[in-house]
Amino acid sequence: MGFESWHAQDDGEPIYVEQERRRTVYLLDDKGNVWQEDTYEGYGEFGGKDFHQLIAEMNVDEFPPPPSESSEQFEIDESLRLHGIDIMWGGLPYKSPNLVHKLDGWEWRPAAPQQHADQGFWADADDYPAPSS
């Protein structure tokens, strides 16, 4: 499992893994499902749902997994997670989950969240203010 973080799509703020900067994050799919994560640890899992596996699930019609990896219920499955990573970095358009800090008024949009270059860590405390709640 790789370490990864993004910018929330509603406010552009990084999704921090550091305990003193963490905020609640919501993962949304195109079907209206929402997962809440209060303590993101940097491994792509939000409220028990893996971000990359969700990409595979959201794109199953356009990018079906190989038959040996196919699952009707999409249980937590490392092969589906890897398939989602392949879709994400494959260079073709795909449907992406959304990540937001505040759920109020947000509806899923067909845009992927921006990667956070510092992978959820505070880059330089002198350059950036503390996040607002």
C-alpha atoms as a PDB file:
ATOM      1  CA  MET A   1       0.000   0.000   0.000  1.00  0.00           C
ATOM      2  CA  GLY A   2       1.392   3.381  -0.968  1.00  0.00           C
ATOM      3  CA  PHE A   3       1.134   6.630   0.925  1.00  0.00           C
ATOM      4  CA  GLU A   4      -1.023   9.243  -0.803  1.00  0.00           C
ATOM      5  CA  SER A   5      -3.031  12.368  -0.137  1.00  0.00           C
ATOM      6  CA  TRP A   6      -5.042  14.936  -2.058  1.00  0.00           C
ATOM      7  CA  HIS A   7      -6.499  18.433  -1.831  1.00  0.00           C
ATOM      8  CA  ALA A   8     -10.149  18.603  -0.817  1.00  0.00           C
ATOM      9  CA  GLN A   9     -12.224  19.704  -3.793  1.00  0.00           C
ATOM     10  CA  ASP A  10     -14.486  22.087  -1.889  1.00  0.00           C
ATOM     11  CA  ASP A  11     -11.828  24.306  -0.306  1.00  0.00           C
ATOM     12  CA  GLY A  12      -8.529  23.300  -1.972  1.00  0.00           C
ATOM     13  CA  GLU A  13      -6.941  22.530   1.405  1.00  0.00           C
ATOM     14  CA  PRO A  14      -4.674  19.491   1.752  1.00  0.00           C
ATOM     15  CA  ILE A  15      -6.069  16.399   3.410  1.00  0.00           C
ATOM     16  CA  TYR A  16      -3.562  16.157   6.227  1.00  0.00           C
ATOM     17  CA  VAL A  17      -2.426  12.991   7.964  1.00  0.00           C
ATOM     18  CA  GLU A  18      -0.775  14.810  10.852  1.00  0.00           C
ATOM     19  CA  GLN A  19      -2.962  14.536  13.924  1.00  0.00           C
ATOM     20  CA  GLU A  20      -2.853  18.243  14.810  1.00  0.00           C
ATOM     21  CA  ARG A  21      -4.004  19.254  11.293  1.00  0.00           C
ATOM     22  CA  ARG A  22      -6.532  16.531  10.491  1.00  0.00           C
ATOM     23  CA  ARG A  23     -10.076  17.428   9.559  1.00  0.00           C
ATOM     24  CA  THR A  24     -13.041  15.273   8.696  1.00  0.00           C
ATOM     25  CA  VAL A  25     -13.021  14.258   5.025  1.00  0.00           C
ATOM     26  CA  TYR A  26     -15.893  12.885   2.954  1.00  0.00           C
ATOM     27  CA  LEU A  27     -15.453  10.502   0.022  1.00  0.00           C
ATOM     28  CA  LEU A  28     -18.318  10.611  -2.511  1.00  0.00           C
ATOM     29  CA  ASP A  29     -19.109   8.489  -5.535  1.00  0.00           C
ATOM     30  CA  ASP A  30     -21.312   9.163  -8.560  1.00  0.00           C
ATOM     31  CA  LYS A  31     -24.207   7.146  -7.105  1.00  0.00           C
ATOM     32  CA  GLY A  32     -24.674   9.311  -4.002  1.00  0.00           C
ATOM     33  CA  ASN A  33     -22.752   7.132  -1.551  1.00  0.00           C
ATOM     34  CA  VAL A  34     -20.720   8.940   1.095  1.00  0.00           C
ATOM     35  CA  TRP A  35     -17.988   7.698   3.426  1.00  0.00           C
ATOM     36  CA  GLN A  36     -16.816   9.827   6.368  1.00  0.00           C
ATOM     37  CA  GLU A  37     -13.216   9.728   7.596  1.00  0.00           C
ATOM     38  CA  ASP A  38     -12.224  11.546  10.789  1.00  0.00           C
ATOM     39  CA  THR A  39      -8.627  10.302  11.094  1.00  0.00           C
ATOM     40  CA  TYR A  40      -7.114   9.928   7.608  1.00  0.00           C
ATOM     41  CA  GLU A  41      -3.810   8.060   7.848  1.00  0.00           C
ATOM     42  CA  GLY A  42      -2.539   8.502   4.278  1.00  0.00           C
ATOM     43  CA  TYR A  43      -3.267   5.120   2.701  1.00  0.00           C
ATOM     44  CA  GLY A  44      -6.275   6.023   0.558  1.00  0.00           C
ATOM     45  CA  GLU A  45      -8.942   4.623   2.884  1.00  0.00           C
ATOM     46  CA  PHE A  46     -11.863   6.837   3.868  1.00  0.00           C
ATOM     47  CA  GLY A  47     -14.501   5.516   6.243  1.00  0.00           C
ATOM     48  CA  GLY A  48     -13.511   1.954   5.405  1.00  0.00           C
ATOM     49  CA  LYS A  49     -13.663   2.524   1.623  1.00  0.00           C
ATOM     50  CA  ASP A  50     -10.500   2.434  -0.474  1.00  0.00           C
ATOM     51  CA  PHE A  51     -10.227   5.386  -2.907  1.00  0.00           C
ATOM     52  CA  HIS A  52      -8.584   3.336  -5.656  1.00  0.00           C
ATOM     53  CA  GLN A  53     -10.947   0.395  -5.347  1.00  0.00           C
ATOM     54  CA  LEU A  54     -13.819   2.872  -5.643  1.00  0.00           C
ATOM     55  CA  ILE A  55     -12.327   4.092  -8.933  1.00  0.00           C
ATOM     56  CA  ALA A  56     -12.447   0.492 -10.200  1.00  0.00           C
ATOM     57  CA  GLU A  57     -16.063   0.151  -9.047  1.00  0.00           C
ATOM     58  CA  MET A  58     -17.154   3.464 -10.583  1.00  0.00           C
ATOM     59  CA  ASN A  59     -15.556   2.561 -13.921  1.00  0.00           C
ATOM     60  CA  VAL A  60     -16.454  -1.127 -14.145  1.00  0.00           C
ATOM     61  CA  ASP A  61     -18.419  -0.664 -17.399  1.00  0.00           C
ATOM     62  CA  GLU A  62     -15.672   1.281 -19.188  1.00  0.00           C
ATOM     63  CA  PHE A  63     -12.676  -0.552 -17.666  1.00  0.00           C
ATOM     64  CA  PRO A  64     -13.824  -4.017 -16.542  1.00  0.00           C
ATOM     65  CA  PRO A  65     -11.362  -5.862 -14.329  1.00  0.00           C
ATOM     66  CA  PRO A  66      -9.866  -9.078 -15.654  1.00  0.00           C
ATOM     67  CA  PRO A  67     -12.288 -11.997 -15.052  1.00  0.00           C
ATOM     68  CA  SER A  68     -10.200 -13.466 -12.252  1.00  0.00           C
ATOM     69  CA  GLU A  69     -10.484 -10.154 -10.379  1.00  0.00           C
ATOM     70  CA  SER A  70     -14.193  -9.612 -10.974  1.00  0.00           C
ATOM     71  CA  SER A  71     -16.520  -9.558  -7.969  1.00  0.00           C
ATOM     72  CA  GLU A  72     -20.250  -8.923  -7.858  1.00  0.00           C
ATOM     73  CA  GLN A  73     -20.056  -7.305  -4.426  1.00  0.00           C
ATOM     74  CA  PHE A  74     -16.659  -5.615  -4.786  1.00  0.00           C
ATOM     75  CA  GLU A  75     -15.437  -6.764  -1.413  1.00  0.00           C
ATOM     76  CA  ILE A  76     -12.267  -5.061  -0.204  1.00  0.00           C
ATOM     77  CA  ASP A  77      -9.877  -6.608  -2.635  1.00  0.00           C
ATOM     78  CA  GLU A  78      -6.245  -5.720  -3.337  1.00  0.00           C
ATOM     79  CA  SER A  79      -6.578  -6.766  -6.994  1.00  0.00           C
ATOM     80  CA  LEU A  80      -9.448  -4.285  -7.502  1.00  0.00           C
ATOM     81  CA  ARG A  81      -7.450  -1.612  -5.695  1.00  0.00           C
ATOM     82  CA  LEU A  82      -4.549  -2.172  -8.097  1.00  0.00           C
ATOM     83  CA  HIS A  83      -6.970  -2.121 -11.041  1.00  0.00           C
ATOM     84  CA  GLY A  84      -8.227   1.280  -9.806  1.00  0.00           C
ATOM     85  CA  ILE A  85      -4.652   2.565  -9.625  1.00  0.00           C
ATOM     86  CA  ASP A  86      -4.081   1.379 -13.208  1.00  0.00           C
ATOM     87  CA  ILE A  87      -7.228   3.241 -14.307  1.00  0.00           C
ATOM     88  CA  MET A  88      -6.175   6.395 -12.423  1.00  0.00           C
ATOM     89  CA  TRP A  89      -2.713   6.525 -13.992  1.00  0.00           C
ATOM     90  CA  GLY A  90      -3.679   5.011 -17.369  1.00  0.00           C
ATOM     91  CA  GLY A  91      -3.976   8.339 -19.168  1.00  0.00           C
ATOM     92  CA  LEU A  92      -7.596   7.859 -20.256  1.00  0.00           C
ATOM     93  CA  PRO A  93     -10.632   9.744 -18.931  1.00  0.00           C
ATOM     94  CA  TYR A  94     -12.318   8.031 -15.999  1.00  0.00           C
ATOM     95  CA  LYS A  95     -14.869   8.747 -13.272  1.00  0.00           C
ATOM     96  CA  SER A  96     -13.253   9.664  -9.975  1.00  0.00           C
ATOM     97  CA  PRO A  97     -14.537   9.837  -6.430  1.00  0.00           C
ATOM     98  CA  ASN A  98     -14.698  13.307  -4.876  1.00  0.00           C
ATOM     99  CA  LEU A  99     -13.035  14.330  -1.609  1.00  0.00           C
ATOM    100  CA  VAL A 100     -14.407  17.257   0.408  1.00  0.00           C
ATOM    101  CA  HIS A 101     -14.062  18.694   3.902  1.00  0.00           C
ATOM    102  CA  LYS A 102     -17.653  19.909   4.123  1.00  0.00           C
ATOM    103  CA  LEU A 103     -20.501  17.853   2.766  1.00  0.00           C
ATOM    104  CA  ASP A 104     -23.142  20.602   2.920  1.00  0.00           C
ATOM    105  CA  GLY A 105     -24.283  21.479  -0.594  1.00  0.00           C
ATOM    106  CA  TRP A 106     -21.668  19.323  -2.344  1.00  0.00           C
ATOM    107  CA  GLU A 107     -22.784  17.001  -5.110  1.00  0.00           C
ATOM    108  CA  TRP A 108     -20.488  14.610  -6.932  1.00  0.00           C
ATOM    109  CA  ARG A 109     -18.684  16.258  -9.850  1.00  0.00           C
ATOM    110  CA  PRO A 110     -16.875  14.579 -12.740  1.00  0.00           C
ATOM    111  CA  ALA A 111     -13.431  15.766 -11.661  1.00  0.00           C
ATOM    112  CA  ALA A 112     -10.626  14.039  -9.798  1.00  0.00           C
ATOM    113  CA  PRO A 113      -9.131  15.637  -6.691  1.00  0.00           C
ATOM    114  CA  GLN A 114      -5.682  17.160  -7.077  1.00  0.00           C
ATOM    115  CA  GLN A 115      -2.772  15.203  -5.616  1.00  0.00           C
ATOM    116  CA  HIS A 116      -1.093  16.813  -2.580  1.00  0.00           C
ATOM    117  CA  ALA A 117       2.636  17.062  -3.339  1.00  0.00           C
ATOM    118  CA  ASP A 118       3.599  16.745   0.340  1.00  0.00           C
ATOM    119  CA  GLN A 119       1.422  13.636   0.727  1.00  0.00           C
ATOM    120  CA  GLY A 120      -0.633  15.007   3.597  1.00  0.00           C
ATOM    121  CA  PHE A 121       2.271  16.372   5.595  1.00  0.00           C
ATOM    122  CA  TRP A 122       2.893  19.966   6.594  1.00  0.00           C
ATOM    123  CA  ALA A 123       5.547  21.309   4.212  1.00  0.00           C
ATOM    124  CA  ASP A 124       6.758  24.417   6.038  1.00  0.00           C
ATOM    125  CA  ALA A 125       4.861  25.789   9.011  1.00  0.00           C
ATOM    126  CA  ASP A 126       6.177  29.295   8.351  1.00  0.00           C
ATOM    127  CA  ASP A 127       4.719  29.375   4.821  1.00  0.00           C
ATOM    128  CA  TYR A 128       1.209  28.117   5.479  1.00  0.00           C
ATOM    129  CA  PRO A 129      -1.466  29.114   8.008  1.00  0.00           C
ATOM    130  CA  ALA A 130      -3.254  26.509  10.124  1.00  0.00           C
ATOM    131  CA  PRO A 131      -6.380  25.164   8.395  1.00  0.00           C
ATOM    132  CA  SER A 132      -9.730  26.662   9.285  1.00  0.00           C
ATOM    133  CA  SER A 133     -12.462  24.441  10.686  1.00  0.00           C
END
